[in-house]
């Protein structure tokens, strides 16, 4: 099932090239069709706590989950991972 565009989603895996961890939140900004029939994906944009964009990248659909009403957001420093 495709998630709706422009909603916040949680990562289900680490994205080390952007210092992002499973559970970090991003906005789903577009859909990506796999060019040779593999798993389709999403383009996500991730923001820092001040609202500045820090990364835009694609992930397979299985790499994100819809946020639910029992989800709690947390804050961590990206500097800790670099």
PDB file of N, CA and C in Angstrom:
ATOM      1  N   UNK A   1       0.842  -1.188   0.000  1.00  0.00           N
ATOM      2  CA  UNK A   1       0.000   0.000   0.000  1.00  0.00           C
ATOM      3  C   UNK A   1       0.882   1.244   0.000  1.00  0.00           C
ATOM      4  N   UNK A   2       0.662   2.124  -0.961  1.00  0.00           N
ATOM      5  CA  UNK A   2       1.404   3.384  -1.033  1.00  0.00           C
ATOM      6  C   UNK A   2       0.941   4.326   0.068  1.00  0.00           C
ATOM      7  N   UNK A   3       1.900   4.961   0.705  1.00  0.00           N
ATOM      8  CA  UNK A   3       1.586   6.008   1.672  1.00  0.00           C
ATOM      9  C   UNK A   3       1.292   7.299   0.917  1.00  0.00           C
ATOM     10  N   UNK A   4       0.595   8.227   1.554  1.00  0.00           N
ATOM     11  CA  UNK A   4       0.242   9.485   0.909  1.00  0.00           C
ATOM     12  C   UNK A   4       1.434  10.435   0.890  1.00  0.00           C
ATOM     13  N   UNK A   5       1.503  11.229  -0.171  1.00  0.00           N
ATOM     14  CA  UNK A   5       2.545  12.235  -0.262  1.00  0.00           C
ATOM     15  C   UNK A   5       2.396  13.284   0.832  1.00  0.00           C
ATOM     16  N   UNK A   6       3.511  13.902   1.188  1.00  0.00           N
ATOM     17  CA  UNK A   6       3.586  15.028   2.116  1.00  0.00           C
ATOM     18  C   UNK A   6       3.130  14.677   3.528  1.00  0.00           C
ATOM     19  N   UNK A   7       3.380  13.442   3.919  1.00  0.00           N
ATOM     20  CA  UNK A   7       3.156  13.059   5.305  1.00  0.00           C
ATOM     21  C   UNK A   7       4.503  12.678   5.919  1.00  0.00           C
ATOM     22  N   UNK A   8       4.592  12.803   7.229  1.00  0.00           N
ATOM     23  CA  UNK A   8       5.804  12.400   7.921  1.00  0.00           C
ATOM     24  C   UNK A   8       5.783  10.888   8.111  1.00  0.00           C
ATOM     25  N   UNK A   9       6.959  10.281   7.914  1.00  0.00           N
ATOM     26  CA  UNK A   9       7.125   8.840   8.077  1.00  0.00           C
ATOM     27  C   UNK A   9       8.381   8.583   8.899  1.00  0.00           C
ATOM     28  N   UNK A  10       8.482   7.399   9.465  1.00  0.00           N
ATOM     29  CA  UNK A  10       9.664   7.009  10.232  1.00  0.00           C
ATOM     30  C   UNK A  10      10.509   6.048   9.412  1.00  0.00           C
ATOM     31  N   UNK A  11      11.811   6.205   9.498  1.00  0.00           N
ATOM     32  CA  UNK A  11      12.723   5.259   8.854  1.00  0.00           C
ATOM     33  C   UNK A  11      12.691   3.931   9.594  1.00  0.00           C
ATOM     34  N   UNK A  12      12.715   2.844   8.853  1.00  0.00           N
ATOM     35  CA  UNK A  12      12.757   1.501   9.439  1.00  0.00           C
ATOM     36  C   UNK A  12      14.160   0.907   9.373  1.00  0.00           C
ATOM     37  N   UNK A  13      15.116   1.680   8.920  1.00  0.00           N
ATOM     38  CA  UNK A  13      16.512   1.240   8.844  1.00  0.00           C
ATOM     39  C   UNK A  13      17.419   2.462   8.899  1.00  0.00           C
ATOM     40  N   UNK A  14      18.660   2.233   9.232  1.00  0.00           N
ATOM     41  CA  UNK A  14      19.660   3.303   9.251  1.00  0.00           C
ATOM     42  C   UNK A  14      19.998   3.713   7.822  1.00  0.00           C
ATOM     43  N   UNK A  15      20.314   4.987   7.650  1.00  0.00           N
ATOM     44  CA  UNK A  15      20.804   5.525   6.387  1.00  0.00           C
ATOM     45  C   UNK A  15      22.156   6.175   6.708  1.00  0.00           C
ATOM     46  N   UNK A  16      23.220   5.367   6.778  1.00  0.00           N
ATOM     47  CA  UNK A  16      24.510   5.871   7.271  1.00  0.00           C
ATOM     48  C   UNK A  16      25.111   7.007   6.457  1.00  0.00           C
ATOM     49  N   UNK A  17      24.855   7.058   5.149  1.00  0.00           N
ATOM     50  CA  UNK A  17      25.442   8.123   4.348  1.00  0.00           C
ATOM     51  C   UNK A  17      24.927   9.509   4.718  1.00  0.00           C
ATOM     52  N   UNK A  18      23.802   9.577   5.447  1.00  0.00           N
ATOM     53  CA  UNK A  18      23.248  10.845   5.926  1.00  0.00           C
ATOM     54  C   UNK A  18      23.227  10.913   7.452  1.00  0.00           C
ATOM     55  N   UNK A  19      23.867   9.962   8.118  1.00  0.00           N
ATOM     56  CA  UNK A  19      23.907   9.883   9.585  1.00  0.00           C
ATOM     57  C   UNK A  19      22.512   9.772  10.190  1.00  0.00           C
ATOM     58  N   UNK A  20      21.602   9.125   9.474  1.00  0.00           N
ATOM     59  CA  UNK A  20      20.232   8.934   9.955  1.00  0.00           C
ATOM     60  C   UNK A  20      20.071   7.539  10.522  1.00  0.00           C
ATOM     61  N   UNK A  21      19.213   7.422  11.532  1.00  0.00           N
ATOM     62  CA  UNK A  21      19.012   6.169  12.231  1.00  0.00           C
ATOM     63  C   UNK A  21      17.564   5.703  12.090  1.00  0.00           C
ATOM     64  N   UNK A  22      17.378   4.411  12.275  1.00  0.00           N
ATOM     65  CA  UNK A  22      16.035   3.841  12.320  1.00  0.00           C
ATOM     66  C   UNK A  22      15.223   4.627  13.353  1.00  0.00           C
ATOM     67  N   UNK A  23      14.030   5.047  12.980  1.00  0.00           N
ATOM     68  CA  UNK A  23      13.178   5.823  13.871  1.00  0.00           C
ATOM     69  C   UNK A  23      13.202   7.317  13.584  1.00  0.00           C
ATOM     70  N   UNK A  24      14.210   7.804  12.834  1.00  0.00           N
ATOM     71  CA  UNK A  24      14.221   9.219  12.465  1.00  0.00           C
ATOM     72  C   UNK A  24      13.039   9.497  11.533  1.00  0.00           C
ATOM     73  N   UNK A  25      12.606  10.741  11.529  1.00  0.00           N
ATOM     74  CA  UNK A  25      11.392  11.125  10.808  1.00  0.00           C
ATOM     75  C   UNK A  25      11.750  11.949   9.578  1.00  0.00           C
ATOM     76  N   UNK A  26      11.073  11.667   8.477  1.00  0.00           N
ATOM     77  CA  UNK A  26      11.223  12.432   7.246  1.00  0.00           C
ATOM     78  C   UNK A  26       9.870  12.636   6.599  1.00  0.00           C
ATOM     79  N   UNK A  27       9.838  13.515   5.603  1.00  0.00           N
ATOM     80  CA  UNK A  27       8.596  13.751   4.868  1.00  0.00           C
ATOM     81  C   UNK A  27       8.668  13.045   3.519  1.00  0.00           C
ATOM     82  N   UNK A  28       7.609  12.341   3.184  1.00  0.00           N
ATOM     83  CA  UNK A  28       7.505  11.649   1.900  1.00  0.00           C
ATOM     84  C   UNK A  28       7.141  12.693   0.838  1.00  0.00           C
ATOM     85  N   UNK A  29       8.054  12.931  -0.110  1.00  0.00           N
ATOM     86  CA  UNK A  29       7.813  13.991  -1.089  1.00  0.00           C
ATOM     87  C   UNK A  29       7.551  13.501  -2.508  1.00  0.00           C
ATOM     88  N   UNK A  30       7.842  12.227  -2.794  1.00  0.00           N
ATOM     89  CA  UNK A  30       7.563  11.726  -4.146  1.00  0.00           C
ATOM     90  C   UNK A  30       7.642  10.207  -4.166  1.00  0.00           C
ATOM     91  N   UNK A  31       7.145   9.638  -5.245  1.00  0.00           N
ATOM     92  CA  UNK A  31       7.210   8.198  -5.469  1.00  0.00           C
ATOM     93  C   UNK A  31       8.286   7.900  -6.509  1.00  0.00           C
ATOM     94  N   UNK A  32       8.916   6.736  -6.402  1.00  0.00           N
ATOM     95  CA  UNK A  32       9.930   6.307  -7.358  1.00  0.00           C
ATOM     96  C   UNK A  32       9.568   4.904  -7.830  1.00  0.00           C
ATOM     97  N   UNK A  33       9.486   4.717  -9.130  1.00  0.00           N
ATOM     98  CA  UNK A  33       9.251   3.398  -9.702  1.00  0.00           C
ATOM     99  C   UNK A  33      10.593   2.744  -9.971  1.00  0.00           C
ATOM    100  N   UNK A  34      10.747   1.503  -9.541  1.00  0.00           N
ATOM    101  CA  UNK A  34      12.006   0.792  -9.775  1.00  0.00           C
ATOM    102  C   UNK A  34      12.163   0.562 -11.272  1.00  0.00           C
ATOM    103  N   UNK A  35      13.342   0.847 -11.830  1.00  0.00           N
ATOM    104  CA  UNK A  35      13.511   0.775 -13.288  1.00  0.00           C
ATOM    105  C   UNK A  35      13.472  -0.631 -13.888  1.00  0.00           C
ATOM    106  N   UNK A  36      13.734  -1.667 -13.086  1.00  0.00           N
ATOM    107  CA  UNK A  36      13.748  -3.027 -13.651  1.00  0.00           C
ATOM    108  C   UNK A  36      12.838  -3.979 -12.892  1.00  0.00           C
ATOM    109  N   UNK A  37      11.796  -3.458 -12.271  1.00  0.00           N
ATOM    110  CA  UNK A  37      10.797  -4.316 -11.658  1.00  0.00           C
ATOM    111  C   UNK A  37      11.029  -4.691 -10.215  1.00  0.00           C
ATOM    112  N   UNK A  38      12.017  -4.103  -9.564  1.00  0.00           N
ATOM    113  CA  UNK A  38      12.242  -4.364  -8.136  1.00  0.00           C
ATOM    114  C   UNK A  38      11.258  -3.574  -7.289  1.00  0.00           C
ATOM    115  N   UNK A  39      11.591  -3.427  -6.032  1.00  0.00           N
ATOM    116  CA  UNK A  39      10.708  -2.721  -5.095  1.00  0.00           C
ATOM    117  C   UNK A  39      10.679  -1.226  -5.415  1.00  0.00           C
ATOM    118  N   UNK A  40       9.475  -0.676  -5.579  1.00  0.00           N
ATOM    119  CA  UNK A  40       9.329   0.759  -5.772  1.00  0.00           C
ATOM    120  C   UNK A  40       9.743   1.475  -4.500  1.00  0.00           C
ATOM    121  N   UNK A  41       9.882   2.787  -4.596  1.00  0.00           N
ATOM    122  CA  UNK A  41      10.373   3.514  -3.439  1.00  0.00           C
ATOM    123  C   UNK A  41       9.733   4.872  -3.258  1.00  0.00           C
ATOM    124  N   UNK A  42      10.284   5.591  -2.299  1.00  0.00           N
ATOM    125  CA  UNK A  42       9.855   6.941  -1.966  1.00  0.00           C
ATOM    126  C   UNK A  42      11.067   7.860  -1.979  1.00  0.00           C
ATOM    127  N   UNK A  43      10.837   9.126  -2.258  1.00  0.00           N
ATOM    128  CA  UNK A  43      11.844  10.146  -2.022  1.00  0.00           C
ATOM    129  C   UNK A  43      11.442  10.841  -0.721  1.00  0.00           C
ATOM    130  N   UNK A  44      12.390  10.907   0.205  1.00  0.00           N
ATOM    131  CA  UNK A  44      12.156  11.527   1.506  1.00  0.00           C
ATOM    132  C   UNK A  44      12.983  12.788   1.646  1.00  0.00           C
ATOM    133  N   UNK A  45      12.458  13.738   2.397  1.00  0.00           N
ATOM    134  CA  UNK A  45      13.221  14.905   2.806  1.00  0.00           C
ATOM    135  C   UNK A  45      13.233  14.911   4.323  1.00  0.00           C
ATOM    136  N   UNK A  46      14.426  15.066   4.881  1.00  0.00           N
ATOM    137  CA  UNK A  46      14.590  15.073   6.336  1.00  0.00           C
ATOM    138  C   UNK A  46      15.014  16.473   6.756  1.00  0.00           C
ATOM    139  N   UNK A  47      14.424  16.939   7.839  1.00  0.00           N
ATOM    140  CA  UNK A  47      14.675  18.277   8.360  1.00  0.00           C
ATOM    141  C   UNK A  47      15.312  18.186   9.736  1.00  0.00           C
ATOM    142  N   UNK A  48      16.096  19.206  10.098  1.00  0.00           N
ATOM    143  CA  UNK A  48      16.588  19.264  11.473  1.00  0.00           C
ATOM    144  C   UNK A  48      15.506  19.878  12.357  1.00  0.00           C
ATOM    145  N   UNK A  49      15.771  19.978  13.652  1.00  0.00           N
ATOM    146  CA  UNK A  49      14.768  20.471  14.595  1.00  0.00           C
ATOM    147  C   UNK A  49      14.396  21.935  14.341  1.00  0.00           C
ATOM    148  N   UNK A  50      15.274  22.691  13.662  1.00  0.00           N
ATOM    149  CA  UNK A  50      14.989  24.089  13.335  1.00  0.00           C
ATOM    150  C   UNK A  50      14.180  24.227  12.045  1.00  0.00           C
ATOM    151  N   UNK A  51      13.896  23.106  11.366  1.00  0.00           N
ATOM    152  CA  UNK A  51      13.094  23.123  10.150  1.00  0.00           C
ATOM    153  C   UNK A  51      13.884  23.257   8.868  1.00  0.00           C
ATOM    154  N   UNK A  52      15.209  23.166   8.951  1.00  0.00           N
ATOM    155  CA  UNK A  52      16.057  23.252   7.762  1.00  0.00           C
ATOM    156  C   UNK A  52      16.218  21.872   7.135  1.00  0.00           C
ATOM    157  N   UNK A  53      16.155  21.813   5.821  1.00  0.00           N
ATOM    158  CA  UNK A  53      16.343  20.552   5.110  1.00  0.00           C
ATOM    159  C   UNK A  53      17.795  20.104   5.259  1.00  0.00           C
ATOM    160  N   UNK A  54      17.991  18.831   5.631  1.00  0.00           N
ATOM    161  CA  UNK A  54      19.354  18.317   5.775  1.00  0.00           C
ATOM    162  C   UNK A  54      19.658  17.175   4.813  1.00  0.00           C
ATOM    163  N   UNK A  55      18.632  16.575   4.209  1.00  0.00           N
ATOM    164  CA  UNK A  55      18.876  15.473   3.280  1.00  0.00           C
ATOM    165  C   UNK A  55      17.631  15.205   2.436  1.00  0.00           C
ATOM    166  N   UNK A  56      17.862  14.862   1.175  1.00  0.00           N
ATOM    167  CA  UNK A  56      16.807  14.389   0.271  1.00  0.00           C
ATOM    168  C   UNK A  56      17.377  13.149  -0.399  1.00  0.00           C
ATOM    169  N   UNK A  57      16.658  12.032  -0.306  1.00  0.00           N
ATOM    170  CA  UNK A  57      17.177  10.767  -0.823  1.00  0.00           C
ATOM    171  C   UNK A  57      16.025   9.815  -1.090  1.00  0.00           C
ATOM    172  N   UNK A  58      16.322   8.750  -1.830  1.00  0.00           N
ATOM    173  CA  UNK A  58      15.301   7.737  -2.105  1.00  0.00           C
ATOM    174  C   UNK A  58      15.564   6.494  -1.276  1.00  0.00           C
ATOM    175  N   UNK A  59      14.483   5.814  -0.929  1.00  0.00           N
ATOM    176  CA  UNK A  59      14.538   4.556  -0.173  1.00  0.00           C
ATOM    177  C   UNK A  59      13.471   3.619  -0.715  1.00  0.00           C
ATOM    178  N   UNK A  60      13.652   2.310  -0.547  1.00  0.00           N
ATOM    179  CA  UNK A  60      12.578   1.378  -0.910  1.00  0.00           C
ATOM    180  C   UNK A  60      11.362   1.604  -0.005  1.00  0.00           C
ATOM    181  N   UNK A  61      10.198   1.261  -0.488  1.00  0.00           N
ATOM    182  CA  UNK A  61       8.978   1.434   0.309  1.00  0.00           C
ATOM    183  C   UNK A  61       9.071   0.738   1.670  1.00  0.00           C
ATOM    184  N   UNK A  62       9.756  -0.391   1.717  1.00  0.00           N
ATOM    185  CA  UNK A  62       9.860  -1.143   2.974  1.00  0.00           C
ATOM    186  C   UNK A  62      10.751  -0.457   4.002  1.00  0.00           C
ATOM    187  N   UNK A  63      11.416   0.637   3.623  1.00  0.00           N
ATOM    188  CA  UNK A  63      12.332   1.329   4.536  1.00  0.00           C
ATOM    189  C   UNK A  63      11.647   2.393   5.377  1.00  0.00           C
ATOM    190  N   UNK A  64      10.334   2.573   5.197  1.00  0.00           N
ATOM    191  CA  UNK A  64       9.619   3.581   5.984  1.00  0.00           C
ATOM    192  C   UNK A  64       8.322   3.009   6.543  1.00  0.00           C
ATOM    193  N   UNK A  65       7.854   3.648   7.600  1.00  0.00           N
ATOM    194  CA  UNK A  65       6.581   3.268   8.215  1.00  0.00           C
ATOM    195  C   UNK A  65       5.773   4.527   8.514  1.00  0.00           C
ATOM    196  N   UNK A  66       4.489   4.404   8.412  1.00  0.00           N
ATOM    197  CA  UNK A  66       3.583   5.498   8.731  1.00  0.00           C
ATOM    198  C   UNK A  66       3.664   5.796  10.222  1.00  0.00           C
ATOM    199  N   UNK A  67       3.637   7.068  10.589  1.00  0.00           N
ATOM    200  CA  UNK A  67       3.582   7.434  12.001  1.00  0.00           C
ATOM    201  C   UNK A  67       2.181   7.150  12.528  1.00  0.00           C
ATOM    202  N   UNK A  68       2.103   6.716  13.753  1.00  0.00           N
ATOM    203  CA  UNK A  68       0.806   6.403  14.371  1.00  0.00           C
ATOM    204  C   UNK A  68       0.571   7.298  15.576  1.00  0.00           C
ATOM    205  N   UNK A  69      -0.652   7.295  16.068  1.00  0.00           N
ATOM    206  CA  UNK A  69      -1.006   8.181  17.183  1.00  0.00           C
ATOM    207  C   UNK A  69      -0.293   7.816  18.483  1.00  0.00           C
ATOM    208  N   UNK A  70       0.281   6.625  18.567  1.00  0.00           N
ATOM    209  CA  UNK A  70       1.009   6.263  19.790  1.00  0.00           C
ATOM    210  C   UNK A  70       2.524   6.419  19.626  1.00  0.00           C
ATOM    211  N   UNK A  71       2.949   7.174  18.593  1.00  0.00           N
ATOM    212  CA  UNK A  71       4.358   7.423  18.332  1.00  0.00           C
ATOM    213  C   UNK A  71       4.821   8.650  19.109  1.00  0.00           C
ATOM    214  N   UNK A  72       6.010   8.562  19.690  1.00  0.00           N
ATOM    215  CA  UNK A  72       6.619   9.687  20.392  1.00  0.00           C
ATOM    216  C   UNK A  72       7.879  10.097  19.644  1.00  0.00           C
ATOM    217  N   UNK A  73       8.017  11.382  19.352  1.00  0.00           N
ATOM    218  CA  UNK A  73       9.206  11.881  18.673  1.00  0.00           C
ATOM    219  C   UNK A  73      10.295  12.188  19.705  1.00  0.00           C
ATOM    220  N   UNK A  74      11.555  12.028  19.299  1.00  0.00           N
ATOM    221  CA  UNK A  74      12.678  12.355  20.172  1.00  0.00           C
ATOM    222  C   UNK A  74      13.643  13.258  19.416  1.00  0.00           C
ATOM    223  N   UNK A  75      14.622  13.778  20.141  1.00  0.00           N
ATOM    224  CA  UNK A  75      15.625  14.652  19.544  1.00  0.00           C
ATOM    225  C   UNK A  75      16.993  14.091  19.836  1.00  0.00           C
ATOM    226  N   UNK A  76      17.880  14.095  18.828  1.00  0.00           N
ATOM    227  CA  UNK A  76      19.267  13.693  19.014  1.00  0.00           C
ATOM    228  C   UNK A  76      20.121  14.552  18.100  1.00  0.00           C
ATOM    229  N   UNK A  77      21.388  14.610  18.386  1.00  0.00           N
ATOM    230  CA  UNK A  77      22.307  15.424  17.599  1.00  0.00           C
ATOM    231  C   UNK A  77      22.916  14.600  16.472  1.00  0.00           C
ATOM    232  N   UNK A  78      22.925  15.144  15.262  1.00  0.00           N
ATOM    233  CA  UNK A  78      23.605  14.492  14.153  1.00  0.00           C
ATOM    234  C   UNK A  78      25.121  14.466  14.384  1.00  0.00           C
ATOM    235  N   UNK A  79      25.630  15.427  15.126  1.00  0.00           N
ATOM    236  CA  UNK A  79      27.061  15.507  15.394  1.00  0.00           C
ATOM    237  C   UNK A  79      27.579  14.279  16.128  1.00  0.00           C
ATOM    238  N   UNK A  80      26.722  13.615  16.876  1.00  0.00           N
ATOM    239  CA  UNK A  80      27.122  12.404  17.615  1.00  0.00           C
ATOM    240  C   UNK A  80      27.536  11.279  16.693  1.00  0.00           C
ATOM    241  N   UNK A  81      27.071  11.289  15.456  1.00  0.00           N
ATOM    242  CA  UNK A  81      27.325  10.183  14.536  1.00  0.00           C
ATOM    243  C   UNK A  81      28.454  10.445  13.561  1.00  0.00           C
ATOM    244  N   UNK A  82      28.895  11.646  13.444  1.00  0.00           N
ATOM    245  CA  UNK A  82      29.908  11.981  12.438  1.00  0.00           C
ATOM    246  C   UNK A  82      31.299  11.748  12.932  1.00  0.00           C
TER     247      UNK A  82
END
